[in-house]
Amino acid sequence: MYDIAIIGAGTAGGSAAIFAAKAGKKTIVIDSDKSMTKRAWIKNHYGIEDITGPELIETGKKQAKSFGAEIVQDTVVNVTKTENGLKVEGENGTYEAKHVILATGALVALAEKIGVKTKPGTEPRIKTIVDAGVDGKTNIDGIWAAGTVAGVSVHTIVTAGDGAKVAINVISELNGERYVDHDVLK
């Protein structure tokens, strides 16, 4: 069983995976390879002069893997409660986790199917979003949302930060105390 299953490997999901795996949590990222960031050319991301969306996503995946995250390509079709957590059903496999982070970008169909509450979106062209609290929690215990699907700006730097924030909140809940990840130069 995984501690955290993240659905989506765009900037929010990838960032969440980096923080979760670096914190020692058994982490899986289930990615359908349909991120809207795949179409982006990014020239306004802090610390990066110029990068394509596909390059940014691949770099994030490599970082997450370097900390121990497992990344699989699959399309999630359902999430259900189990006795010990949540079962994430993909077209190609089934994964069990204590917590699930929805990082599905502009796509809310899965959230709606599994009973996560939604509400009108606030970004242009994003009509519906998950109704998540500021911590990322949804109305279903153990299911969280991060990034654009949770109503955060579609800009990659903002969604990456939100994915990290939600992961830190999940890690804190798993640990039973506030988690802080801050490395220091030696």
N, C-alpha and C. Protein backbone atom coordinates (compact mmCIF):
# COMPACT_ATOMS: atom_id res chain seq x y z
N MET A 1 0.84 -1.18 0.00
CA MET A 1 0.00 0.00 0.00
C MET A 1 0.89 1.24 0.00
N TYR A 2 0.48 2.20 -0.79
CA TYR A 2 1.20 3.47 -0.86
C TYR A 2 0.68 4.41 0.23
N ASP A 3 1.54 5.30 0.69
CA ASP A 3 1.07 6.35 1.59
C ASP A 3 0.24 7.35 0.81
N ILE A 4 0.74 7.71 -0.38
CA ILE A 4 0.09 8.74 -1.19
C ILE A 4 0.08 8.33 -2.65
N ALA A 5 -1.10 8.36 -3.26
CA ALA A 5 -1.25 8.16 -4.70
C ALA A 5 -1.64 9.52 -5.28
N ILE A 6 -0.90 9.95 -6.28
CA ILE A 6 -1.15 11.24 -6.91
C ILE A 6 -1.64 10.97 -8.33
N ILE A 7 -2.78 11.53 -8.65
CA ILE A 7 -3.34 11.34 -9.99
C ILE A 7 -3.02 12.58 -10.80
N GLY A 8 -2.07 12.42 -11.72
CA GLY A 8 -1.63 13.52 -12.57
C GLY A 8 -0.18 13.88 -12.29
N ALA A 9 0.62 14.03 -13.37
CA ALA A 9 2.04 14.35 -13.21
C ALA A 9 2.38 15.69 -13.83
N GLY A 10 1.41 16.58 -13.91
CA GLY A 10 1.71 17.94 -14.33
C GLY A 10 2.45 18.64 -13.20
N THR A 11 2.47 19.97 -13.21
CA THR A 11 3.27 20.67 -12.21
C THR A 11 2.76 20.49 -10.79
N ALA A 12 1.44 20.46 -10.59
CA ALA A 12 0.92 20.26 -9.23
C ALA A 12 1.21 18.84 -8.74
N GLY A 13 0.89 17.85 -9.56
CA GLY A 13 1.12 16.46 -9.18
C GLY A 13 2.60 16.13 -9.04
N GLY A 14 3.39 16.63 -9.97
CA GLY A 14 4.83 16.38 -9.91
C GLY A 14 5.47 16.99 -8.68
N SER A 15 5.06 18.22 -8.36
CA SER A 15 5.59 18.88 -7.18
C SER A 15 5.17 18.15 -5.91
N ALA A 16 3.92 17.72 -5.87
CA ALA A 16 3.44 16.96 -4.71
C ALA A 16 4.26 15.68 -4.56
N ALA A 17 4.56 15.03 -5.68
CA ALA A 17 5.34 13.79 -5.64
C ALA A 17 6.75 14.02 -5.13
N ILE A 18 7.37 15.12 -5.56
CA ILE A 18 8.72 15.44 -5.09
C ILE A 18 8.73 15.57 -3.57
N PHE A 19 7.81 16.36 -3.03
CA PHE A 19 7.78 16.57 -1.58
C PHE A 19 7.42 15.30 -0.83
N ALA A 20 6.43 14.55 -1.33
CA ALA A 20 6.00 13.33 -0.64
C ALA A 20 7.12 12.29 -0.61
N ALA A 21 7.74 12.04 -1.76
CA ALA A 21 8.80 11.04 -1.82
C ALA A 21 10.03 11.47 -1.02
N LYS A 22 10.37 12.76 -1.10
CA LYS A 22 11.53 13.26 -0.35
C LYS A 22 11.30 13.12 1.16
N ALA A 23 10.04 13.18 1.58
CA ALA A 23 9.70 13.02 3.00
C ALA A 23 9.68 11.55 3.42
N GLY A 24 10.00 10.66 2.47
CA GLY A 24 10.05 9.24 2.81
C GLY A 24 8.72 8.53 2.72
N LYS A 25 7.72 9.17 2.14
CA LYS A 25 6.41 8.54 2.00
C LYS A 25 6.39 7.70 0.74
N LYS A 26 5.84 6.51 0.85
CA LYS A 26 5.73 5.64 -0.32
C LYS A 26 4.72 6.29 -1.27
N THR A 27 5.23 6.72 -2.42
CA THR A 27 4.45 7.58 -3.32
C THR A 27 4.37 6.99 -4.72
N ILE A 28 3.17 7.03 -5.28
CA ILE A 28 2.98 6.66 -6.68
C ILE A 28 2.27 7.80 -7.39
N VAL A 29 2.71 8.06 -8.61
CA VAL A 29 2.06 9.04 -9.47
C VAL A 29 1.46 8.27 -10.64
N ILE A 30 0.17 8.45 -10.84
CA ILE A 30 -0.53 7.79 -11.93
C ILE A 30 -0.87 8.88 -12.94
N ASP A 31 -0.26 8.79 -14.11
CA ASP A 31 -0.35 9.87 -15.08
C ASP A 31 -0.95 9.39 -16.40
N SER A 32 -1.92 10.12 -16.90
CA SER A 32 -2.55 9.77 -18.18
C SER A 32 -1.81 10.39 -19.36
N ASP A 33 -0.80 11.20 -19.09
CA ASP A 33 0.00 11.86 -20.12
C ASP A 33 -0.83 12.86 -20.94
N LYS A 34 -1.81 13.51 -20.28
CA LYS A 34 -2.68 14.47 -20.97
C LYS A 34 -2.60 15.87 -20.35
N SER A 35 -1.52 16.18 -19.67
CA SER A 35 -1.38 17.47 -19.00
C SER A 35 -1.45 18.62 -20.00
N MET A 36 -2.19 19.67 -19.63
CA MET A 36 -2.24 20.85 -20.50
C MET A 36 -0.88 21.54 -20.55
N THR A 37 -0.03 21.29 -19.57
CA THR A 37 1.32 21.85 -19.58
C THR A 37 2.14 21.29 -20.74
N LYS A 38 1.74 20.14 -21.25
CA LYS A 38 2.45 19.54 -22.39
C LYS A 38 2.41 20.45 -23.62
N ARG A 39 1.47 21.41 -23.65
CA ARG A 39 1.34 22.33 -24.79
C ARG A 39 1.99 23.69 -24.50
N ALA A 40 2.60 23.84 -23.35
CA ALA A 40 3.09 25.15 -22.92
C ALA A 40 4.53 25.41 -23.35
N TRP A 41 4.82 26.67 -23.54
CA TRP A 41 6.18 27.17 -23.70
C TRP A 41 6.32 28.20 -22.60
N ILE A 42 7.18 27.95 -21.63
CA ILE A 42 7.21 28.71 -20.39
C ILE A 42 8.41 29.64 -20.38
N LYS A 43 8.14 30.94 -20.29
CA LYS A 43 9.19 31.96 -20.29
C LYS A 43 9.12 32.83 -19.02
N ASN A 44 8.19 32.51 -18.12
CA ASN A 44 8.00 33.35 -16.94
C ASN A 44 8.08 32.55 -15.63
N HIS A 45 8.79 31.45 -15.63
CA HIS A 45 8.90 30.60 -14.44
C HIS A 45 10.16 31.01 -13.69
N TYR A 46 10.04 31.35 -12.44
CA TYR A 46 11.18 31.77 -11.63
C TYR A 46 12.30 30.74 -11.70
N GLY A 47 13.49 31.21 -11.95
CA GLY A 47 14.66 30.35 -11.95
C GLY A 47 14.91 29.60 -13.25
N ILE A 48 14.00 29.73 -14.20
CA ILE A 48 14.16 29.05 -15.48
C ILE A 48 13.94 30.10 -16.57
N GLU A 49 14.94 30.31 -17.41
CA GLU A 49 14.81 31.34 -18.44
C GLU A 49 13.79 30.96 -19.51
N ASP A 50 13.78 29.70 -19.92
CA ASP A 50 12.97 29.30 -21.05
C ASP A 50 12.90 27.77 -21.05
N ILE A 51 11.69 27.20 -21.06
CA ILE A 51 11.56 25.75 -21.07
C ILE A 51 10.21 25.39 -21.68
N THR A 52 10.17 24.26 -22.35
CA THR A 52 8.89 23.78 -22.87
C THR A 52 8.15 23.04 -21.76
N GLY A 53 6.85 22.97 -21.88
CA GLY A 53 6.05 22.23 -20.91
C GLY A 53 6.48 20.78 -20.79
N PRO A 54 6.67 20.07 -21.92
CA PRO A 54 7.12 18.68 -21.81
C PRO A 54 8.45 18.54 -21.08
N GLU A 55 9.38 19.47 -21.31
CA GLU A 55 10.67 19.42 -20.60
C GLU A 55 10.47 19.63 -19.11
N LEU A 56 9.62 20.59 -18.74
CA LEU A 56 9.37 20.87 -17.33
C LEU A 56 8.77 19.64 -16.63
N ILE A 57 7.80 19.02 -17.28
CA ILE A 57 7.16 17.83 -16.71
C ILE A 57 8.16 16.69 -16.56
N GLU A 58 8.97 16.45 -17.58
CA GLU A 58 9.95 15.36 -17.51
C GLU A 58 10.98 15.63 -16.41
N THR A 59 11.41 16.88 -16.26
CA THR A 59 12.34 17.23 -15.18
C THR A 59 11.71 16.95 -13.82
N GLY A 60 10.44 17.33 -13.66
CA GLY A 60 9.74 17.06 -12.41
C GLY A 60 9.61 15.58 -12.12
N LYS A 61 9.31 14.79 -13.14
CA LYS A 61 9.21 13.34 -12.96
C LYS A 61 10.56 12.76 -12.52
N LYS A 62 11.64 13.23 -13.16
CA LYS A 62 12.97 12.74 -12.80
C LYS A 62 13.29 13.09 -11.34
N GLN A 63 12.95 14.30 -10.92
CA GLN A 63 13.18 14.68 -9.52
C GLN A 63 12.40 13.78 -8.59
N ALA A 64 11.13 13.56 -8.88
CA ALA A 64 10.29 12.72 -8.02
C ALA A 64 10.86 11.30 -7.96
N LYS A 65 11.27 10.76 -9.10
CA LYS A 65 11.86 9.41 -9.12
C LYS A 65 13.15 9.36 -8.32
N SER A 66 13.94 10.45 -8.37
CA SER A 66 15.21 10.44 -7.64
C SER A 66 15.00 10.34 -6.13
N PHE A 67 13.83 10.73 -5.66
CA PHE A 67 13.51 10.62 -4.23
C PHE A 67 12.73 9.34 -3.92
N GLY A 68 12.45 8.54 -4.95
CA GLY A 68 11.82 7.25 -4.71
C GLY A 68 10.37 7.13 -5.16
N ALA A 69 9.80 8.16 -5.77
CA ALA A 69 8.42 8.05 -6.25
C ALA A 69 8.37 7.08 -7.43
N GLU A 70 7.29 6.35 -7.48
CA GLU A 70 7.03 5.46 -8.61
C GLU A 70 6.08 6.21 -9.54
N ILE A 71 6.34 6.16 -10.83
CA ILE A 71 5.48 6.84 -11.80
C ILE A 71 5.02 5.82 -12.82
N VAL A 72 3.71 5.73 -12.99
CA VAL A 72 3.13 4.81 -13.97
C VAL A 72 2.22 5.58 -14.91
N GLN A 73 2.18 5.12 -16.15
CA GLN A 73 1.25 5.72 -17.10
C GLN A 73 -0.01 4.87 -17.10
N ASP A 74 -1.11 5.50 -16.73
CA ASP A 74 -2.40 4.83 -16.66
C ASP A 74 -3.46 5.91 -16.58
N THR A 75 -4.66 5.56 -16.94
CA THR A 75 -5.80 6.47 -16.82
C THR A 75 -6.68 5.98 -15.69
N VAL A 76 -6.82 6.78 -14.65
CA VAL A 76 -7.63 6.40 -13.50
C VAL A 76 -9.10 6.52 -13.86
N VAL A 77 -9.86 5.45 -13.57
CA VAL A 77 -11.29 5.43 -13.89
C VAL A 77 -12.18 5.45 -12.65
N ASN A 78 -11.60 5.16 -11.47
CA ASN A 78 -12.42 5.16 -10.26
C ASN A 78 -11.52 5.18 -9.01
N VAL A 79 -12.06 5.71 -7.94
CA VAL A 79 -11.42 5.69 -6.62
C VAL A 79 -12.51 5.32 -5.63
N THR A 80 -12.27 4.29 -4.81
CA THR A 80 -13.25 3.85 -3.83
C THR A 80 -12.58 3.68 -2.47
N LYS A 81 -13.40 3.79 -1.42
CA LYS A 81 -12.93 3.57 -0.06
C LYS A 81 -12.72 2.09 0.17
N THR A 82 -11.69 1.77 0.96
CA THR A 82 -11.45 0.39 1.40
C THR A 82 -11.36 0.42 2.92
N GLU A 83 -11.17 -0.73 3.51
CA GLU A 83 -11.04 -0.81 4.95
C GLU A 83 -9.83 -0.03 5.46
N ASN A 84 -8.74 -0.02 4.67
CA ASN A 84 -7.50 0.61 5.11
C ASN A 84 -7.15 1.91 4.41
N GLY A 85 -7.97 2.37 3.48
CA GLY A 85 -7.65 3.58 2.74
C GLY A 85 -8.49 3.73 1.50
N LEU A 86 -7.80 3.83 0.35
CA LEU A 86 -8.48 4.06 -0.91
C LEU A 86 -7.93 3.15 -1.99
N LYS A 87 -8.80 2.69 -2.87
CA LYS A 87 -8.40 1.88 -4.01
C LYS A 87 -8.54 2.76 -5.25
N VAL A 88 -7.43 2.90 -5.98
CA VAL A 88 -7.40 3.69 -7.20
C VAL A 88 -7.38 2.70 -8.36
N GLU A 89 -8.42 2.74 -9.18
CA GLU A 89 -8.55 1.82 -10.29
C GLU A 89 -8.19 2.52 -11.59
N GLY A 90 -7.19 1.98 -12.27
CA GLY A 90 -6.80 2.48 -13.58
C GLY A 90 -7.24 1.52 -14.66
N GLU A 91 -7.10 1.94 -15.90
CA GLU A 91 -7.41 1.04 -17.01
C GLU A 91 -6.45 -0.13 -17.05
N ASN A 92 -5.22 0.06 -16.52
CA ASN A 92 -4.19 -0.98 -16.60
C ASN A 92 -3.77 -1.57 -15.27
N GLY A 93 -4.33 -1.07 -14.16
CA GLY A 93 -3.90 -1.59 -12.86
C GLY A 93 -4.70 -0.99 -11.73
N THR A 94 -4.50 -1.55 -10.55
CA THR A 94 -5.16 -1.08 -9.34
C THR A 94 -4.08 -0.76 -8.31
N TYR A 95 -4.28 0.33 -7.59
CA TYR A 95 -3.30 0.83 -6.64
C TYR A 95 -4.03 1.17 -5.35
N GLU A 96 -3.44 0.84 -4.20
CA GLU A 96 -4.04 1.17 -2.92
C GLU A 96 -3.18 2.18 -2.20
N ALA A 97 -3.84 3.16 -1.56
CA ALA A 97 -3.13 4.22 -0.86
C ALA A 97 -3.93 4.70 0.34
N LYS A 98 -3.20 5.28 1.29
CA LYS A 98 -3.86 5.89 2.44
C LYS A 98 -4.50 7.22 2.07
N HIS A 99 -3.85 7.95 1.16
CA HIS A 99 -4.34 9.25 0.70
C HIS A 99 -4.20 9.35 -0.81
N VAL A 100 -5.11 10.11 -1.43
CA VAL A 100 -5.07 10.36 -2.86
C VAL A 100 -5.08 11.87 -3.07
N ILE A 101 -4.19 12.35 -3.94
CA ILE A 101 -4.20 13.75 -4.34
C ILE A 101 -4.63 13.82 -5.79
N LEU A 102 -5.75 14.49 -6.04
CA LEU A 102 -6.20 14.74 -7.40
C LEU A 102 -5.44 15.94 -7.92
N ALA A 103 -4.67 15.75 -8.98
CA ALA A 103 -3.93 16.83 -9.63
C ALA A 103 -4.18 16.69 -11.13
N THR A 104 -5.45 16.74 -11.48
CA THR A 104 -5.90 16.41 -12.83
C THR A 104 -6.10 17.63 -13.72
N GLY A 105 -5.52 18.75 -13.34
CA GLY A 105 -5.59 19.95 -14.18
C GLY A 105 -7.01 20.44 -14.38
N ALA A 106 -7.40 20.60 -15.62
CA ALA A 106 -8.73 21.12 -15.94
C ALA A 106 -9.81 20.04 -15.93
N LEU A 107 -9.44 18.81 -15.65
CA LEU A 107 -10.37 17.69 -15.75
C LEU A 107 -10.99 17.34 -14.39
N VAL A 108 -12.31 17.45 -14.31
CA VAL A 108 -13.02 17.15 -13.06
C VAL A 108 -13.91 15.92 -13.15
N ALA A 109 -13.97 15.27 -14.31
CA ALA A 109 -14.88 14.13 -14.50
C ALA A 109 -14.65 13.04 -13.46
N LEU A 110 -13.39 12.69 -13.18
CA LEU A 110 -13.10 11.66 -12.19
C LEU A 110 -13.59 12.10 -10.81
N ALA A 111 -13.30 13.33 -10.43
CA ALA A 111 -13.74 13.86 -9.13
C ALA A 111 -15.25 13.76 -9.00
N GLU A 112 -15.95 14.18 -10.02
CA GLU A 112 -17.42 14.12 -9.98
C GLU A 112 -17.91 12.68 -9.89
N LYS A 113 -17.29 11.78 -10.63
CA LYS A 113 -17.69 10.37 -10.62
C LYS A 113 -17.56 9.75 -9.24
N ILE A 114 -16.52 10.12 -8.49
CA ILE A 114 -16.27 9.47 -7.20
C ILE A 114 -16.93 10.21 -6.03
N GLY A 115 -17.69 11.26 -6.34
CA GLY A 115 -18.45 11.95 -5.31
C GLY A 115 -17.78 13.14 -4.67
N VAL A 116 -16.67 13.59 -5.23
CA VAL A 116 -16.03 14.80 -4.72
C VAL A 116 -16.85 15.99 -5.19
N LYS A 117 -17.15 16.88 -4.26
CA LYS A 117 -17.95 18.06 -4.60
C LYS A 117 -17.17 19.01 -5.50
N THR A 118 -17.87 19.62 -6.43
CA THR A 118 -17.28 20.60 -7.33
C THR A 118 -18.05 21.91 -7.22
N LYS A 119 -17.50 22.93 -7.85
CA LYS A 119 -18.13 24.26 -7.87
C LYS A 119 -17.68 24.99 -9.13
N PRO A 120 -18.29 26.12 -9.43
CA PRO A 120 -17.87 26.86 -10.63
C PRO A 120 -16.41 27.31 -10.51
N GLY A 121 -15.70 27.28 -11.65
CA GLY A 121 -14.31 27.69 -11.69
C GLY A 121 -14.16 29.20 -11.74
N THR A 122 -12.95 29.66 -11.50
CA THR A 122 -12.68 31.10 -11.50
C THR A 122 -11.69 31.51 -12.59
N GLU A 123 -10.96 30.57 -13.16
CA GLU A 123 -10.01 30.86 -14.24
C GLU A 123 -10.75 30.90 -15.57
N PRO A 124 -10.26 31.69 -16.50
CA PRO A 124 -10.86 31.66 -17.85
C PRO A 124 -10.80 30.25 -18.42
N ARG A 125 -11.85 29.80 -19.02
CA ARG A 125 -11.98 28.49 -19.68
C ARG A 125 -11.98 27.31 -18.71
N ILE A 126 -11.88 27.53 -17.41
CA ILE A 126 -11.99 26.44 -16.44
C ILE A 126 -13.37 26.59 -15.79
N LYS A 127 -14.32 25.82 -16.31
CA LYS A 127 -15.72 25.99 -15.92
C LYS A 127 -16.06 25.40 -14.55
N THR A 128 -15.41 24.30 -14.19
CA THR A 128 -15.74 23.59 -12.96
C THR A 128 -14.45 23.17 -12.27
N ILE A 129 -14.43 23.30 -10.93
CA ILE A 129 -13.26 22.89 -10.13
C ILE A 129 -13.72 22.07 -8.94
N VAL A 130 -12.80 21.41 -8.31
CA VAL A 130 -13.08 20.67 -7.07
C VAL A 130 -13.26 21.68 -5.95
N ASP A 131 -14.21 21.43 -5.09
CA ASP A 131 -14.46 22.27 -3.93
C ASP A 131 -13.55 21.79 -2.79
N ALA A 132 -12.33 22.31 -2.78
CA ALA A 132 -11.33 21.91 -1.79
C ALA A 132 -11.06 23.06 -0.84
N GLY A 133 -10.74 22.73 0.40
CA GLY A 133 -10.36 23.75 1.37
C GLY A 133 -8.98 24.30 1.07
N VAL A 134 -8.58 25.32 1.81
CA VAL A 134 -7.27 25.92 1.57
C VAL A 134 -6.13 24.92 1.80
N ASP A 135 -6.39 23.88 2.58
CA ASP A 135 -5.38 22.85 2.83
C ASP A 135 -5.37 21.78 1.74
N GLY A 136 -6.36 21.81 0.84
CA GLY A 136 -6.46 20.83 -0.23
C GLY A 136 -7.44 19.71 0.04
N LYS A 137 -8.02 19.66 1.25
CA LYS A 137 -8.96 18.58 1.58
C LYS A 137 -10.26 18.75 0.81
N THR A 138 -10.81 17.62 0.38
CA THR A 138 -12.12 17.61 -0.26
C THR A 138 -13.16 17.09 0.75
N ASN A 139 -14.37 16.90 0.28
CA ASN A 139 -15.43 16.39 1.15
C ASN A 139 -15.29 14.91 1.46
N ILE A 140 -14.38 14.21 0.81
CA ILE A 140 -14.17 12.79 1.07
C ILE A 140 -12.85 12.61 1.82
N ASP A 141 -12.93 12.02 3.01
CA ASP A 141 -11.75 11.82 3.84
C ASP A 141 -10.68 11.05 3.07
N GLY A 142 -9.48 11.58 3.06
CA GLY A 142 -8.36 10.94 2.39
C GLY A 142 -8.16 11.37 0.95
N ILE A 143 -9.10 12.13 0.40
CA ILE A 143 -8.95 12.62 -0.97
C ILE A 143 -8.71 14.12 -0.92
N TRP A 144 -7.64 14.54 -1.55
CA TRP A 144 -7.20 15.92 -1.57
C TRP A 144 -7.17 16.39 -3.02
N ALA A 145 -7.08 17.69 -3.23
CA ALA A 145 -6.96 18.23 -4.59
C ALA A 145 -5.91 19.33 -4.60
N ALA A 146 -5.16 19.40 -5.71
CA ALA A 146 -4.10 20.40 -5.84
C ALA A 146 -4.05 20.92 -7.27
N GLY A 147 -3.65 22.17 -7.39
CA GLY A 147 -3.45 22.77 -8.70
C GLY A 147 -4.73 23.28 -9.32
N THR A 148 -4.75 23.31 -10.62
CA THR A 148 -5.86 23.90 -11.36
C THR A 148 -7.18 23.24 -11.03
N VAL A 149 -7.20 21.92 -10.84
CA VAL A 149 -8.46 21.24 -10.52
C VAL A 149 -9.03 21.73 -9.19
N ALA A 150 -8.18 22.29 -8.33
CA ALA A 150 -8.63 22.82 -7.03
C ALA A 150 -8.85 24.33 -7.09
N GLY A 151 -8.85 24.89 -8.29
CA GLY A 151 -9.13 26.31 -8.44
C GLY A 151 -7.92 27.22 -8.40
N VAL A 152 -6.73 26.62 -8.44
CA VAL A 152 -5.50 27.40 -8.43
C VAL A 152 -5.19 27.83 -9.86
N SER A 153 -4.55 28.96 -10.00
CA SER A 153 -4.18 29.49 -11.31
C SER A 153 -3.53 28.43 -12.19
N VAL A 154 -3.76 28.53 -13.49
CA VAL A 154 -3.17 27.57 -14.43
C VAL A 154 -1.68 27.80 -14.65
N HIS A 155 -1.11 28.87 -14.12
CA HIS A 155 0.30 29.15 -14.31
C HIS A 155 1.15 28.11 -13.58
N THR A 156 2.16 27.58 -14.27
CA THR A 156 2.92 26.45 -13.75
C THR A 156 3.58 26.74 -12.41
N ILE A 157 4.08 27.93 -12.22
CA ILE A 157 4.77 28.24 -10.96
C ILE A 157 3.79 28.23 -9.79
N VAL A 158 2.55 28.62 -10.05
CA VAL A 158 1.54 28.65 -8.99
C VAL A 158 1.05 27.23 -8.70
N THR A 159 0.79 26.44 -9.74
CA THR A 159 0.30 25.09 -9.51
C THR A 159 1.36 24.21 -8.86
N ALA A 160 2.64 24.42 -9.21
CA ALA A 160 3.71 23.66 -8.57
C ALA A 160 3.75 23.95 -7.08
N GLY A 161 3.64 25.21 -6.72
CA GLY A 161 3.62 25.59 -5.31
C GLY A 161 2.43 25.00 -4.57
N ASP A 162 1.28 24.96 -5.24
CA ASP A 162 0.09 24.40 -4.61
C ASP A 162 0.24 22.89 -4.41
N GLY A 163 0.82 22.20 -5.38
CA GLY A 163 1.05 20.77 -5.21
C GLY A 163 1.95 20.49 -4.03
N ALA A 164 2.99 21.30 -3.87
CA ALA A 164 3.89 21.15 -2.73
C ALA A 164 3.14 21.41 -1.43
N LYS A 165 2.31 22.46 -1.40
CA LYS A 165 1.54 22.80 -0.19
C LYS A 165 0.63 21.65 0.22
N VAL A 166 -0.10 21.10 -0.74
CA VAL A 166 -1.03 20.01 -0.42
C VAL A 166 -0.25 18.78 0.05
N ALA A 167 0.86 18.47 -0.62
CA ALA A 167 1.67 17.32 -0.18
C ALA A 167 2.15 17.51 1.25
N ILE A 168 2.61 18.72 1.58
CA ILE A 168 3.06 18.99 2.95
C ILE A 168 1.91 18.78 3.95
N ASN A 169 0.70 19.17 3.57
CA ASN A 169 -0.45 18.96 4.45
C ASN A 169 -0.77 17.47 4.62
N VAL A 170 -0.67 16.69 3.54
CA VAL A 170 -0.89 15.24 3.63
C VAL A 170 0.20 14.60 4.49
N ILE A 171 1.46 14.97 4.24
CA ILE A 171 2.57 14.43 5.03
C ILE A 171 2.37 14.76 6.51
N SER A 172 1.97 15.98 6.81
CA SER A 172 1.71 16.39 8.20
C SER A 172 0.64 15.52 8.83
N GLU A 173 -0.43 15.23 8.07
CA GLU A 173 -1.49 14.38 8.60
C GLU A 173 -0.98 12.96 8.84
N LEU A 174 -0.21 12.44 7.90
CA LEU A 174 0.35 11.10 8.07
C LEU A 174 1.29 11.04 9.28
N ASN A 175 2.09 12.09 9.48
CA ASN A 175 3.06 12.13 10.57
C ASN A 175 2.44 12.47 11.93
N GLY A 176 1.27 13.09 11.92
CA GLY A 176 0.64 13.51 13.17
C GLY A 176 1.22 14.79 13.74
N GLU A 177 2.04 15.49 12.94
CA GLU A 177 2.60 16.78 13.34
C GLU A 177 3.00 17.55 12.09
N ARG A 178 3.14 18.86 12.23
CA ARG A 178 3.46 19.71 11.09
C ARG A 178 4.81 19.33 10.50
N TYR A 179 4.85 19.11 9.20
CA TYR A 179 6.06 18.73 8.48
C TYR A 179 6.64 19.96 7.80
N VAL A 180 7.95 20.11 7.88
CA VAL A 180 8.66 21.19 7.20
C VAL A 180 9.82 20.57 6.44
N ASP A 181 9.96 20.94 5.16
CA ASP A 181 11.06 20.47 4.33
C ASP A 181 11.89 21.68 3.95
N HIS A 182 13.06 21.78 4.56
CA HIS A 182 13.93 22.93 4.28
C HIS A 182 15.37 22.47 4.40
N ASP A 183 16.01 22.32 3.26
CA ASP A 183 17.42 21.93 3.26
C ASP A 183 18.29 23.18 3.45
N VAL A 184 19.46 22.98 4.01
CA VAL A 184 20.36 24.09 4.30
C VAL A 184 21.71 23.84 3.64
N LEU A 185 22.29 24.88 3.06
CA LEU A 185 23.62 24.76 2.48
C LEU A 185 24.63 24.38 3.54
N LYS A 186 25.60 23.57 3.16
CA LYS A 186 26.63 23.17 4.12
C LYS A 186 27.91 23.89 3.83
